[in-house]
Amino acid sequence: MSTTQPPVFTTQTGPSVLDEKTTLQPTVDSLDPSTTTVSSRAPSAKSGFESATASHAPSFVSAAPGETIRTPFTNPLPKCKPTPPADLTPEQEAKYAGLLAVVSTWEKLPTSSARGASTAPITEDERMWLTRECLLRYLRATKWNSAEAPKRLLATLTWRREYKVDTFTPDYISPENETGKQVILGYDNDARPCLYLNPAKQNTQKSERQIQHLVFMLERVIEMMGPGQETTALLINFKNSSGSSNPSVGQGKQTLTILQGHYPERLGRALISELPWYVTTFFKLISPFIDPVTKSKMKFNEPLPDHVPREQLWADYGGDAPFQYLHAEYWPALCRLCEERHAAYRERWVRAGKRVGEYEAYLRGGDQPSLGELIARAGEP
């Protein structure tokens, strides 16, 4: 990728903290996600957020107060806190321990969902993905069914291999987001990162890469979560959209299959606004495929400032954040930030002993002790 003039990063409370002289400008070398020349990960990157938590880190913006914002907020406002998870019952603790014991024995996984598919050794990244909270999400999604939860987990790991989730590079996905049809910006009242979906800004023909684009952004919004946060807020606005710019029923069903099957318990709320009649019809057509729990999180035409603090709500959506999408600035800034966070997350996992069942709050830089620390404490006299 070529270099361009970088976005300037400042904080709301002080001078620049990311002294980048150049930045990476996305280019497309191939339409094959597995052969693009730039990796979507930067294993050697050092994170500037190692000690940051959602409660005290500054929220970085791309301009001084009162000027246009062109890059993501990195943290929620101090007043916005994740909802603490409910304590597990003794029965739930036992089911979690059983599931942890099962997945800890996995040494090989199928390479595809095809009958009789070959297997390959489980990778370190796949073991890192199997956190305590991940296992609990699948237990909740299966209504604490001890037999179904490991099947669902195995199905998702197989899908991630088959769909090549980790091979979608910024270069490959970049053309899909040139108009800003998906934007990660700010956090809601419960410190969920917000993913804006703007169908009116559709800029490509219907293709598999459109679905891959959504998966790529879901992976990025997960990386933008702070300690103690597991869910995201979707803000979907259909203003000025047309029938041709909206997903087909087939794409809608495929998207639901991916979201409900492979990202369970990740949706905190979906705020859907300004629906034309044909989108209402679309939702009626796919409604039978929407899980009741997901339906309960969908809110239609509610005032967005009721859910997202105005300071971090895009001005186009009724907030006070004067955000402007400029692809050459936003895209490399988002991807670099997520690469840094992923590298720090992985570094903590390695440092803590590469354990299956690690705590996500620890991995995200929170105050939660690592699993190894808790095991060591339990063994103390």
Protein backbone atom coordinates (compact mmCIF):
# COMPACT_ATOMS: atom_id res chain seq x y z
CA MET A 1 0.00 0.00 0.00
CA SER A 2 1.15 3.52 -0.66
CA THR A 3 1.60 6.25 1.92
CA THR A 4 -0.46 9.42 2.22
CA GLN A 5 -0.72 12.38 4.56
CA PRO A 6 -1.85 10.81 7.87
CA PRO A 7 -4.82 11.75 9.99
CA VAL A 8 -3.80 13.89 12.97
CA PHE A 9 -4.78 12.38 16.30
CA THR A 10 -5.45 14.55 19.33
CA THR A 11 -7.32 13.93 22.53
CA GLN A 12 -10.18 15.82 24.04
CA THR A 13 -7.98 16.63 27.01
CA GLY A 14 -4.44 16.98 25.69
CA PRO A 15 -1.92 16.88 22.85
CA SER A 16 -1.38 14.22 20.23
CA VAL A 17 -0.58 10.75 21.58
CA LEU A 18 -0.15 8.88 18.29
CA ASP A 19 2.80 10.47 16.54
CA GLU A 20 2.36 8.80 13.15
CA LYS A 21 4.40 10.31 10.32
CA THR A 22 2.76 8.20 7.64
CA THR A 23 -0.27 5.98 7.37
CA LEU A 24 -1.32 3.15 5.12
CA GLN A 25 -3.64 4.05 2.27
CA PRO A 26 -5.83 1.10 1.28
CA THR A 27 -5.42 -0.21 -2.24
CA VAL A 28 -6.82 -3.31 -3.89
CA ASP A 29 -4.30 -5.77 -5.23
CA SER A 30 -6.75 -8.64 -5.60
CA LEU A 31 -10.36 -9.57 -5.09
CA ASP A 32 -9.29 -12.80 -3.42
CA PRO A 33 -9.29 -12.22 0.36
CA SER A 34 -6.59 -14.83 0.90
CA THR A 35 -4.11 -13.35 -1.59
CA THR A 36 -4.10 -9.63 -0.82
CA THR A 37 -0.64 -8.34 -0.11
CA VAL A 38 -1.27 -6.68 3.25
CA SER A 39 -2.18 -8.68 6.33
CA SER A 40 -5.22 -7.74 8.40
CA ARG A 41 -3.11 -8.26 11.51
CA ALA A 42 0.08 -6.70 12.79
CA PRO A 43 1.52 -9.20 15.30
CA SER A 44 4.50 -6.99 16.11
CA ALA A 45 2.47 -3.84 16.78
CA LYS A 46 2.67 -2.36 20.27
CA SER A 47 -0.56 -1.09 21.68
CA GLY A 48 -0.91 2.36 23.19
CA PHE A 49 -3.91 1.09 25.13
CA GLU A 50 -2.21 -1.54 27.31
CA SER A 51 -3.27 0.13 30.54
CA ALA A 52 -6.36 1.91 29.28
CA THR A 53 -9.79 0.99 30.52
CA ALA A 54 -13.18 2.32 29.58
CA SER A 55 -13.45 4.17 32.89
CA HIS A 56 -10.46 6.48 32.66
CA ALA A 57 -8.87 6.50 29.17
CA PRO A 58 -9.29 9.64 27.04
CA SER A 59 -11.46 9.45 23.93
CA PHE A 60 -9.28 10.19 20.93
CA VAL A 61 -10.66 12.23 18.05
CA SER A 62 -9.12 13.46 14.81
CA ALA A 63 -9.50 17.20 15.37
CA ALA A 64 -9.63 19.83 18.08
CA PRO A 65 -13.00 20.40 19.79
CA GLY A 66 -15.39 22.20 17.48
CA GLU A 67 -13.78 20.85 14.32
CA THR A 68 -14.77 17.91 12.17
CA ILE A 69 -14.16 14.41 13.56
CA ARG A 70 -12.83 11.98 10.97
CA THR A 71 -11.57 8.99 12.97
CA PRO A 72 -13.16 6.68 15.58
CA PHE A 73 -13.66 7.41 19.24
CA THR A 74 -11.53 4.89 21.12
CA ASN A 75 -13.41 4.69 24.41
CA PRO A 76 -16.85 5.38 25.85
CA LEU A 77 -17.54 8.42 27.98
CA PRO A 78 -16.66 7.92 31.68
CA LYS A 79 -20.36 8.01 32.59
CA CYS A 80 -21.12 5.08 30.27
CA LYS A 81 -20.53 1.71 31.90
CA PRO A 82 -21.18 -1.88 30.80
CA THR A 83 -23.96 -3.69 32.63
CA PRO A 84 -22.30 -6.17 35.02
CA PRO A 85 -23.09 -9.82 34.18
CA ALA A 86 -25.34 -11.77 36.49
CA ASP A 87 -23.66 -14.20 38.85
CA LEU A 88 -23.80 -17.82 37.73
CA THR A 89 -25.83 -20.29 39.71
CA PRO A 90 -24.08 -23.43 41.01
CA GLU A 91 -25.76 -25.42 38.21
CA GLN A 92 -24.53 -22.95 35.58
CA GLU A 93 -21.02 -23.01 37.04
CA ALA A 94 -21.04 -26.80 36.74
CA LYS A 95 -22.19 -26.64 33.12
CA TYR A 96 -19.51 -24.11 32.32
CA ALA A 97 -16.84 -26.31 33.94
CA GLY A 98 -18.08 -29.25 31.89
CA LEU A 99 -17.96 -27.30 28.64
CA LEU A 100 -14.49 -25.96 29.45
CA ALA A 101 -13.28 -29.50 30.05
CA VAL A 102 -14.66 -30.61 26.67
CA VAL A 103 -13.19 -27.82 24.53
CA SER A 104 -9.85 -28.01 26.35
CA THR A 105 -9.36 -31.49 24.88
CA TRP A 106 -9.85 -30.38 21.26
CA GLU A 107 -6.65 -30.98 19.31
CA LYS A 108 -7.98 -31.09 15.74
CA LEU A 109 -10.94 -29.38 14.05
CA PRO A 110 -12.70 -29.94 10.71
CA THR A 111 -11.47 -27.77 7.87
CA SER A 112 -14.99 -27.44 6.43
CA SER A 113 -18.60 -28.33 7.16
CA ALA A 114 -18.67 -30.94 4.38
CA ARG A 115 -19.38 -34.52 5.36
CA GLY A 116 -16.13 -36.40 5.92
CA ALA A 117 -14.06 -33.21 5.82
CA SER A 118 -10.41 -33.46 6.75
CA THR A 119 -9.19 -32.10 10.07
CA ALA A 120 -6.26 -29.88 11.03
CA PRO A 121 -4.69 -29.03 14.40
CA ILE A 122 -6.40 -26.34 16.41
CA THR A 123 -4.44 -23.09 16.17
CA GLU A 124 -3.37 -20.76 18.95
CA ASP A 125 -5.78 -18.10 17.67
CA GLU A 126 -8.64 -20.59 17.86
CA ARG A 127 -7.69 -21.50 21.42
CA MET A 128 -7.51 -17.78 22.27
CA TRP A 129 -11.01 -17.33 20.80
CA LEU A 130 -12.34 -19.89 23.32
CA THR A 131 -12.55 -17.49 26.26
CA ARG A 132 -14.64 -17.95 29.38
CA GLU A 133 -17.16 -15.41 28.12
CA CYS A 134 -17.28 -17.06 24.68
CA LEU A 135 -18.19 -20.39 26.24
CA LEU A 136 -20.83 -18.71 28.39
CA ARG A 137 -22.33 -16.95 25.35
CA TYR A 138 -22.83 -20.29 23.63
CA LEU A 139 -24.26 -21.84 26.77
CA ARG A 140 -26.79 -19.00 27.02
CA ALA A 141 -27.56 -19.23 23.30
CA THR A 142 -28.37 -22.93 23.70
CA LYS A 143 -30.37 -22.30 26.89
CA TRP A 144 -27.65 -24.02 28.94
CA ASN A 145 -27.85 -27.24 26.97
CA SER A 146 -24.61 -29.04 27.79
CA ALA A 147 -24.86 -31.27 24.73
CA GLU A 148 -25.66 -28.53 22.21
CA ALA A 149 -23.17 -25.87 23.33
CA PRO A 150 -20.01 -27.75 22.24
CA LYS A 151 -21.66 -28.61 18.92
CA ARG A 152 -22.42 -24.93 18.31
CA LEU A 153 -18.90 -23.91 19.26
CA LEU A 154 -17.42 -26.51 16.94
CA ALA A 155 -19.74 -25.39 14.14
CA THR A 156 -18.59 -21.79 14.52
CA LEU A 157 -14.90 -22.66 14.58
CA THR A 158 -15.44 -24.77 11.46
CA TRP A 159 -17.35 -21.91 9.79
CA ARG A 160 -14.59 -19.45 10.64
CA ARG A 161 -12.11 -21.75 8.90
CA GLU A 162 -14.36 -22.40 5.93
CA TYR A 163 -15.38 -18.76 5.50
CA LYS A 164 -11.75 -17.66 6.02
CA VAL A 165 -12.76 -14.96 8.48
CA ASP A 166 -9.19 -14.15 9.50
CA THR A 167 -8.02 -13.69 5.90
CA PHE A 168 -10.20 -10.65 5.06
CA THR A 169 -7.63 -7.86 4.85
CA PRO A 170 -8.27 -4.10 4.98
CA ASP A 171 -7.18 -3.91 1.33
CA TYR A 172 -9.68 -6.52 0.23
CA ILE A 173 -12.62 -5.03 2.15
CA SER A 174 -11.72 -1.37 1.51
CA PRO A 175 -13.75 -0.92 -1.75
CA GLU A 176 -16.92 -1.94 0.07
CA ASN A 177 -16.57 0.89 2.57
CA GLU A 178 -15.41 3.75 0.35
CA THR A 179 -18.69 5.61 0.83
CA GLY A 180 -18.92 4.94 4.58
CA LYS A 181 -21.86 2.58 4.38
CA GLN A 182 -20.64 0.97 7.61
CA VAL A 183 -19.02 3.09 10.31
CA ILE A 184 -17.83 2.24 13.81
CA LEU A 185 -18.20 5.43 15.83
CA GLY A 186 -18.74 6.08 19.52
CA TYR A 187 -20.35 4.09 22.31
CA ASP A 188 -23.90 3.92 23.62
CA ASN A 189 -25.10 4.56 27.17
CA ASP A 190 -24.04 1.06 28.22
CA ALA A 191 -20.55 1.42 26.68
CA ARG A 192 -21.36 -0.71 23.66
CA PRO A 193 -19.42 0.27 20.52
CA CYS A 194 -21.80 1.57 17.84
CA LEU A 195 -21.82 0.18 14.31
CA TYR A 196 -23.74 2.38 11.86
CA LEU A 197 -25.25 0.72 8.79
CA ASN A 198 -26.18 3.15 6.01
CA PRO A 199 -27.92 1.29 3.14
CA ALA A 200 -28.36 4.53 1.13
CA LYS A 201 -24.58 4.64 0.74
CA GLN A 202 -24.44 1.26 -1.00
CA ASN A 203 -21.70 1.48 -3.63
CA THR A 204 -21.24 -2.07 -4.92
CA GLN A 205 -23.26 -4.75 -6.66
CA LYS A 206 -24.66 -7.62 -4.60
CA SER A 207 -21.85 -10.11 -4.02
CA GLU A 208 -20.36 -12.38 -1.38
CA ARG A 209 -17.91 -9.61 -0.50
CA GLN A 210 -20.81 -7.53 0.84
CA ILE A 211 -21.44 -10.24 3.45
CA GLN A 212 -17.70 -10.55 4.10
CA HIS A 213 -17.64 -6.78 4.64
CA LEU A 214 -20.23 -7.10 7.41
CA VAL A 215 -18.27 -9.95 9.02
CA PHE A 216 -15.07 -7.87 8.83
CA MET A 217 -16.79 -4.95 10.57
CA LEU A 218 -18.28 -7.22 13.24
CA GLU A 219 -14.78 -8.49 14.00
CA ARG A 220 -13.54 -4.90 14.24
CA VAL A 221 -16.40 -3.72 16.46
CA ILE A 222 -15.64 -6.62 18.83
CA GLU A 223 -12.05 -5.41 19.00
CA MET A 224 -13.36 -1.95 19.93
CA MET A 225 -15.11 -3.33 23.02
CA GLY A 226 -13.70 -2.31 26.38
CA PRO A 227 -13.24 -4.46 29.49
CA GLY A 228 -16.53 -5.95 30.67
CA GLN A 229 -18.31 -5.41 27.36
CA GLU A 230 -19.54 -8.27 25.15
CA THR A 231 -22.17 -6.65 22.93
CA THR A 232 -22.54 -4.01 20.25
CA ALA A 233 -25.19 -1.49 19.25
CA LEU A 234 -26.34 -1.44 15.63
CA LEU A 235 -27.71 1.84 14.28
CA ILE A 236 -29.47 1.24 10.97
CA ASN A 237 -30.94 4.20 9.10
CA PHE A 238 -32.83 3.63 5.84
CA LYS A 239 -33.23 7.31 4.95
CA ASN A 240 -32.80 7.88 1.19
CA SER A 241 -32.23 4.18 0.58
CA SER A 242 -33.72 2.48 -2.45
CA GLY A 243 -34.91 -1.02 -3.15
CA SER A 244 -31.76 -1.74 -5.13
CA SER A 245 -29.47 -0.55 -2.32
CA ASN A 246 -31.04 -2.76 0.34
CA PRO A 247 -30.09 -6.41 0.84
CA SER A 248 -32.08 -9.13 -0.88
CA VAL A 249 -34.15 -11.58 1.15
CA GLY A 250 -31.46 -14.19 0.43
CA GLN A 251 -28.74 -11.91 1.78
CA GLY A 252 -30.91 -11.09 4.77
CA LYS A 253 -31.34 -14.76 5.62
CA GLN A 254 -27.60 -15.42 5.15
CA THR A 255 -26.77 -12.48 7.40
CA LEU A 256 -29.17 -13.71 10.08
CA THR A 257 -27.65 -17.19 9.90
CA ILE A 258 -24.19 -15.75 10.47
CA LEU A 259 -25.23 -13.34 13.22
CA GLN A 260 -27.40 -15.77 15.16
CA GLY A 261 -25.31 -18.87 14.55
CA HIS A 262 -21.77 -17.53 14.85
CA TYR A 263 -22.05 -14.29 16.82
CA PRO A 264 -24.58 -15.31 19.49
CA GLU A 265 -25.24 -12.95 22.37
CA ARG A 266 -23.28 -10.18 20.61
CA LEU A 267 -26.19 -7.87 19.83
CA GLY A 268 -26.99 -5.50 22.67
CA ARG A 269 -29.55 -3.46 20.77
CA ALA A 270 -30.48 -2.64 17.18
CA LEU A 271 -31.82 0.87 16.60
CA ILE A 272 -33.64 0.95 13.27
CA SER A 273 -35.03 4.18 11.88
CA GLU A 274 -36.74 5.78 8.86
CA LEU A 275 -38.01 2.60 7.26
CA PRO A 276 -39.71 2.97 3.87
CA TRP A 277 -42.61 0.63 3.11
CA TYR A 278 -40.49 -1.83 1.11
CA VAL A 279 -38.05 -2.25 4.01
CA THR A 280 -40.96 -2.90 6.34
CA THR A 281 -42.03 -5.60 3.89
CA PHE A 282 -38.48 -6.97 3.89
CA PHE A 283 -38.49 -7.26 7.68
CA LYS A 284 -41.84 -9.06 7.54
CA LEU A 285 -40.39 -11.55 5.07
CA ILE A 286 -37.36 -12.36 7.21
CA SER A 287 -39.17 -12.07 10.55
CA PRO A 288 -39.81 -15.84 10.81
CA PHE A 289 -36.05 -16.39 10.73
CA ILE A 290 -35.27 -13.90 13.52
CA ASP A 291 -34.72 -15.41 16.96
CA PRO A 292 -37.18 -14.09 19.59
CA VAL A 293 -34.30 -12.87 21.76
CA THR A 294 -32.91 -10.90 18.81
CA LYS A 295 -36.35 -9.47 18.07
CA SER A 296 -36.63 -8.21 21.62
CA LYS A 297 -33.47 -6.12 21.11
CA MET A 298 -34.74 -4.40 17.96
CA LYS A 299 -36.09 -0.87 18.48
CA PHE A 300 -37.85 1.01 15.69
CA ASN A 301 -37.87 4.80 15.25
CA GLU A 302 -36.87 5.61 18.83
CA PRO A 303 -34.94 8.85 19.52
CA LEU A 304 -31.28 7.88 19.22
CA PRO A 305 -30.07 10.34 21.91
CA ASP A 306 -32.10 8.22 24.35
CA HIS A 307 -29.64 5.40 23.69
CA VAL A 308 -26.34 7.07 22.71
CA PRO A 309 -24.81 10.11 24.47
CA ARG A 310 -24.98 13.14 22.21
CA GLU A 311 -21.24 13.75 22.56
CA GLN A 312 -20.53 10.51 20.69
CA LEU A 313 -23.65 10.28 18.52
CA TRP A 314 -23.07 11.21 14.87
CA ALA A 315 -24.61 14.62 14.14
CA ASP A 316 -26.37 13.14 11.07
CA TYR A 317 -28.28 10.92 13.51
CA GLY A 318 -29.30 13.65 15.94
CA GLY A 319 -26.15 13.87 18.04
CA ASP A 320 -23.47 16.50 18.61
CA ALA A 321 -20.45 14.64 17.15
CA PRO A 322 -19.52 16.49 13.91
CA PHE A 323 -18.26 13.35 12.17
CA GLN A 324 -17.40 13.37 8.47
CA TYR A 325 -16.54 10.15 6.68
CA LEU A 326 -13.40 10.49 4.58
CA HIS A 327 -12.30 7.03 3.58
CA ALA A 328 -8.60 7.92 3.16
CA GLU A 329 -8.48 9.02 6.81
CA TYR A 330 -11.06 6.91 8.61
CA TRP A 331 -10.28 3.50 7.13
CA PRO A 332 -6.53 3.33 7.90
CA ALA A 333 -7.13 4.88 11.33
CA LEU A 334 -9.78 2.28 12.22
CA CYS A 335 -7.73 -0.63 10.93
CA ARG A 336 -4.55 0.53 12.68
CA LEU A 337 -6.41 1.01 15.97
CA CYS A 338 -7.96 -2.45 15.77
CA GLU A 339 -4.61 -4.04 14.88
CA GLU A 340 -3.06 -2.42 17.96
CA ARG A 341 -5.85 -3.63 20.19
CA HIS A 342 -5.72 -7.14 18.76
CA ALA A 343 -1.94 -7.27 19.26
CA ALA A 344 -2.27 -6.14 22.89
CA TYR A 345 -5.09 -8.65 23.48
CA ARG A 346 -2.96 -11.47 22.09
CA GLU A 347 0.12 -10.36 24.04
CA ARG A 348 -1.85 -10.56 27.29
CA TRP A 349 -3.13 -14.02 26.36
CA VAL A 350 0.39 -15.26 25.68
CA ARG A 351 1.73 -13.65 28.85
CA ALA A 352 -0.99 -15.34 30.92
CA GLY A 353 -0.13 -18.82 29.67
CA LYS A 354 -2.22 -19.25 26.48
CA ARG A 355 -5.13 -20.78 28.35
CA VAL A 356 -8.51 -21.80 26.97
CA GLY A 357 -11.16 -20.17 29.15
CA GLU A 358 -9.23 -16.92 29.74
CA TYR A 359 -11.16 -13.89 30.99
CA GLU A 360 -11.99 -11.33 28.29
CA ALA A 361 -11.90 -8.45 30.78
CA TYR A 362 -8.28 -9.31 31.50
CA LEU A 363 -7.47 -9.66 27.79
CA ARG A 364 -8.99 -6.23 27.10
CA GLY A 365 -6.80 -4.57 29.72
CA GLY A 366 -9.23 -4.39 32.62
CA ASP A 367 -8.68 -4.99 36.32
CA GLN A 368 -9.77 -8.64 36.12
CA PRO A 369 -6.94 -11.03 37.11
CA SER A 370 -5.97 -13.61 34.52
CA LEU A 371 -7.10 -17.21 34.85
CA GLY A 372 -3.55 -18.22 35.74
CA GLU A 373 -3.43 -15.66 38.56
CA LEU A 374 -6.70 -16.95 39.99
CA ILE A 375 -5.46 -20.55 39.80
CA ALA A 376 -2.26 -19.53 41.58
CA ARG A 377 -4.19 -17.73 44.30
CA ALA A 378 -6.45 -20.73 44.80
CA GLY A 379 -3.38 -22.87 45.41
CA GLU A 380 -1.95 -20.55 48.06
CA PRO A 381 -2.14 -21.74 51.69
